[in-house]
Amino acid sequence: MKERELTLADLEKVTGGNLDSEITAHLDEVIHLAKKADKTMEQCIQDFYRYNKDFTPEHEKYIRENWNQVK
């Protein structure tokens, strides 16, 4: 059987979709930077889907749920 590296999406399927603290810290930083650039939450999410092939609905959910808490 040929081995391959697991992607973030693969890991989420295996772990039941729990985001670890490293990922949430990165998403918090992205939210902060998007706000600093005067982007809306929708623009931030669209940028992720456009430029990050590993962005998942779980990441989107995290951004939506935490958008107002991140300064």
N, C-alpha and C. Protein backbone atom coordinates (compact mmCIF):
# COMPACT_ATOMS: atom_id res chain seq x y z
N MET A 1 0.84 -1.18 0.00
CA MET A 1 0.00 0.00 0.00
C MET A 1 0.89 1.25 0.00
N LYS A 2 0.57 2.20 -0.84
CA LYS A 2 1.35 3.42 -0.96
C LYS A 2 0.98 4.39 0.16
N GLU A 3 1.98 4.94 0.83
CA GLU A 3 1.73 5.89 1.91
C GLU A 3 1.61 7.30 1.35
N ARG A 4 0.84 8.12 2.04
CA ARG A 4 0.72 9.53 1.67
C ARG A 4 0.58 10.35 2.94
N GLU A 5 0.91 11.63 2.82
CA GLU A 5 0.78 12.51 3.97
C GLU A 5 -0.68 12.88 4.18
N LEU A 6 -1.08 12.95 5.43
CA LEU A 6 -2.44 13.36 5.74
C LEU A 6 -2.57 14.87 5.67
N THR A 7 -3.66 15.33 5.11
CA THR A 7 -3.93 16.76 5.09
C THR A 7 -4.72 17.12 6.33
N LEU A 8 -4.88 18.40 6.56
CA LEU A 8 -5.69 18.86 7.68
C LEU A 8 -7.11 18.31 7.57
N ALA A 9 -7.66 18.29 6.38
CA ALA A 9 -9.02 17.77 6.18
C ALA A 9 -9.09 16.29 6.55
N ASP A 10 -8.06 15.52 6.20
CA ASP A 10 -8.03 14.10 6.56
C ASP A 10 -8.02 13.93 8.07
N LEU A 11 -7.20 14.73 8.73
CA LEU A 11 -7.10 14.65 10.19
C LEU A 11 -8.43 15.01 10.85
N GLU A 12 -9.11 15.99 10.31
CA GLU A 12 -10.39 16.38 10.88
C GLU A 12 -11.41 15.24 10.79
N LYS A 13 -11.38 14.53 9.69
CA LYS A 13 -12.29 13.40 9.54
C LYS A 13 -12.00 12.33 10.57
N VAL A 14 -10.73 12.07 10.81
CA VAL A 14 -10.32 11.04 11.75
C VAL A 14 -10.61 11.45 13.19
N THR A 15 -10.38 12.71 13.52
CA THR A 15 -10.52 13.17 14.91
C THR A 15 -11.91 13.66 15.24
N GLY A 16 -12.81 13.62 14.28
CA GLY A 16 -14.16 14.09 14.55
C GLY A 16 -14.30 15.59 14.39
N GLY A 17 -13.30 16.23 13.82
CA GLY A 17 -13.42 17.64 13.51
C GLY A 17 -13.03 18.61 14.61
N ASN A 18 -12.30 18.18 15.59
CA ASN A 18 -11.87 19.10 16.64
C ASN A 18 -10.64 19.87 16.20
N LEU A 19 -10.71 21.18 16.31
CA LEU A 19 -9.57 22.01 15.94
C LEU A 19 -8.64 22.13 17.14
N ASP A 20 -7.34 21.96 16.91
CA ASP A 20 -6.41 22.09 18.02
C ASP A 20 -6.05 23.56 18.24
N SER A 21 -5.35 23.83 19.34
CA SER A 21 -5.07 25.21 19.73
C SER A 21 -4.17 25.93 18.73
N GLU A 22 -3.32 25.20 18.03
CA GLU A 22 -2.45 25.83 17.04
C GLU A 22 -3.29 26.37 15.87
N ILE A 23 -4.27 25.62 15.46
CA ILE A 23 -5.14 26.05 14.36
C ILE A 23 -6.02 27.21 14.80
N THR A 24 -6.60 27.12 16.00
CA THR A 24 -7.46 28.22 16.45
C THR A 24 -6.66 29.50 16.66
N ALA A 25 -5.42 29.38 17.13
CA ALA A 25 -4.57 30.57 17.29
C ALA A 25 -4.30 31.20 15.93
N HIS A 26 -4.06 30.38 14.93
CA HIS A 26 -3.84 30.90 13.57
C HIS A 26 -5.10 31.58 13.05
N LEU A 27 -6.25 30.95 13.25
CA LEU A 27 -7.51 31.56 12.79
C LEU A 27 -7.78 32.88 13.51
N ASP A 28 -7.47 32.94 14.80
CA ASP A 28 -7.64 34.19 15.55
C ASP A 28 -6.75 35.29 14.97
N GLU A 29 -5.52 34.93 14.63
CA GLU A 29 -4.60 35.91 14.04
C GLU A 29 -5.12 36.38 12.68
N VAL A 30 -5.65 35.47 11.90
CA VAL A 30 -6.21 35.84 10.59
C VAL A 30 -7.40 36.78 10.77
N ILE A 31 -8.25 36.49 11.74
CA ILE A 31 -9.39 37.38 12.01
C ILE A 31 -8.88 38.77 12.37
N HIS A 32 -7.90 38.82 13.25
CA HIS A 32 -7.31 40.10 13.66
C HIS A 32 -6.77 40.87 12.46
N LEU A 33 -6.02 40.19 11.61
CA LEU A 33 -5.43 40.85 10.44
C LEU A 33 -6.50 41.28 9.44
N ALA A 34 -7.54 40.47 9.28
CA ALA A 34 -8.63 40.83 8.37
C ALA A 34 -9.34 42.09 8.86
N LYS A 35 -9.58 42.17 10.16
CA LYS A 35 -10.21 43.36 10.72
C LYS A 35 -9.31 44.58 10.56
N LYS A 36 -8.03 44.39 10.76
CA LYS A 36 -7.07 45.48 10.61
C LYS A 36 -7.08 46.01 9.17
N ALA A 37 -7.34 45.12 8.21
CA ALA A 37 -7.40 45.49 6.80
C ALA A 37 -8.81 45.93 6.38
N ASP A 38 -9.68 46.12 7.38
CA ASP A 38 -11.08 46.54 7.14
C ASP A 38 -11.86 45.57 6.27
N LYS A 39 -11.58 44.28 6.39
CA LYS A 39 -12.35 43.28 5.67
C LYS A 39 -13.53 42.86 6.52
N THR A 40 -14.59 42.47 5.86
CA THR A 40 -15.74 41.92 6.58
C THR A 40 -15.49 40.44 6.85
N MET A 41 -16.30 39.87 7.70
CA MET A 41 -16.19 38.44 7.98
C MET A 41 -16.40 37.65 6.69
N GLU A 42 -17.37 38.03 5.88
CA GLU A 42 -17.64 37.33 4.63
C GLU A 42 -16.45 37.41 3.67
N GLN A 43 -15.80 38.57 3.60
CA GLN A 43 -14.63 38.70 2.73
C GLN A 43 -13.49 37.81 3.22
N CYS A 44 -13.32 37.75 4.53
CA CYS A 44 -12.28 36.91 5.12
C CYS A 44 -12.52 35.44 4.77
N ILE A 45 -13.75 34.99 4.93
CA ILE A 45 -14.09 33.60 4.64
C ILE A 45 -13.92 33.30 3.15
N GLN A 46 -14.37 34.21 2.30
CA GLN A 46 -14.22 34.01 0.85
C GLN A 46 -12.75 33.93 0.45
N ASP A 47 -11.92 34.77 1.06
CA ASP A 47 -10.48 34.71 0.78
C ASP A 47 -9.91 33.35 1.16
N PHE A 48 -10.33 32.83 2.30
CA PHE A 48 -9.85 31.52 2.72
C PHE A 48 -10.23 30.46 1.69
N TYR A 49 -11.50 30.44 1.29
CA TYR A 49 -11.93 29.43 0.32
C TYR A 49 -11.20 29.60 -1.01
N ARG A 50 -10.91 30.81 -1.38
CA ARG A 50 -10.24 31.09 -2.65
C ARG A 50 -8.77 30.68 -2.63
N TYR A 51 -8.07 30.92 -1.52
CA TYR A 51 -6.63 30.76 -1.50
C TYR A 51 -6.09 29.60 -0.67
N ASN A 52 -6.93 28.94 0.11
CA ASN A 52 -6.45 27.88 0.99
C ASN A 52 -7.24 26.60 0.73
N LYS A 53 -6.62 25.65 0.06
CA LYS A 53 -7.33 24.43 -0.33
C LYS A 53 -7.70 23.56 0.87
N ASP A 54 -7.06 23.77 2.02
CA ASP A 54 -7.36 22.97 3.21
C ASP A 54 -8.42 23.61 4.11
N PHE A 55 -8.96 24.76 3.71
CA PHE A 55 -9.98 25.43 4.52
C PHE A 55 -11.26 24.60 4.48
N THR A 56 -11.84 24.37 5.65
CA THR A 56 -13.01 23.50 5.75
C THR A 56 -14.20 24.25 6.35
N PRO A 57 -15.38 23.65 6.24
CA PRO A 57 -16.55 24.25 6.90
C PRO A 57 -16.36 24.42 8.41
N GLU A 58 -15.56 23.56 9.02
CA GLU A 58 -15.30 23.70 10.46
C GLU A 58 -14.49 24.97 10.74
N HIS A 59 -13.53 25.27 9.88
CA HIS A 59 -12.78 26.51 10.03
C HIS A 59 -13.71 27.71 9.85
N GLU A 60 -14.58 27.63 8.85
CA GLU A 60 -15.54 28.71 8.63
C GLU A 60 -16.43 28.90 9.86
N LYS A 61 -16.89 27.81 10.42
CA LYS A 61 -17.74 27.88 11.61
C LYS A 61 -16.99 28.57 12.75
N TYR A 62 -15.71 28.22 12.94
CA TYR A 62 -14.91 28.84 13.99
C TYR A 62 -14.81 30.34 13.77
N ILE A 63 -14.54 30.75 12.54
CA ILE A 63 -14.42 32.18 12.24
C ILE A 63 -15.74 32.89 12.54
N ARG A 64 -16.85 32.31 12.10
CA ARG A 64 -18.16 32.93 12.34
C ARG A 64 -18.46 33.05 13.84
N GLU A 65 -18.13 32.02 14.59
CA GLU A 65 -18.43 32.01 16.02
C GLU A 65 -17.51 32.93 16.83
N ASN A 66 -16.32 33.21 16.32
CA ASN A 66 -15.34 33.97 17.10
C ASN A 66 -15.01 35.33 16.53
N TRP A 67 -15.64 35.71 15.43
CA TRP A 67 -15.35 36.97 14.77
C TRP A 67 -15.45 38.16 15.72
N ASN A 68 -16.51 38.24 16.50
CA ASN A 68 -16.74 39.39 17.37
C ASN A 68 -15.87 39.38 18.63
N GLN A 69 -15.32 38.23 18.99
CA GLN A 69 -14.49 38.15 20.20
C GLN A 69 -13.05 38.58 19.94
N VAL A 70 -12.60 38.45 18.69
CA VAL A 70 -11.21 38.79 18.36
C VAL A 70 -11.12 40.28 18.07
N LYS A 71 -10.16 40.94 18.69
CA LYS A 71 -9.98 42.39 18.49
C LYS A 71 -9.00 42.67 17.38
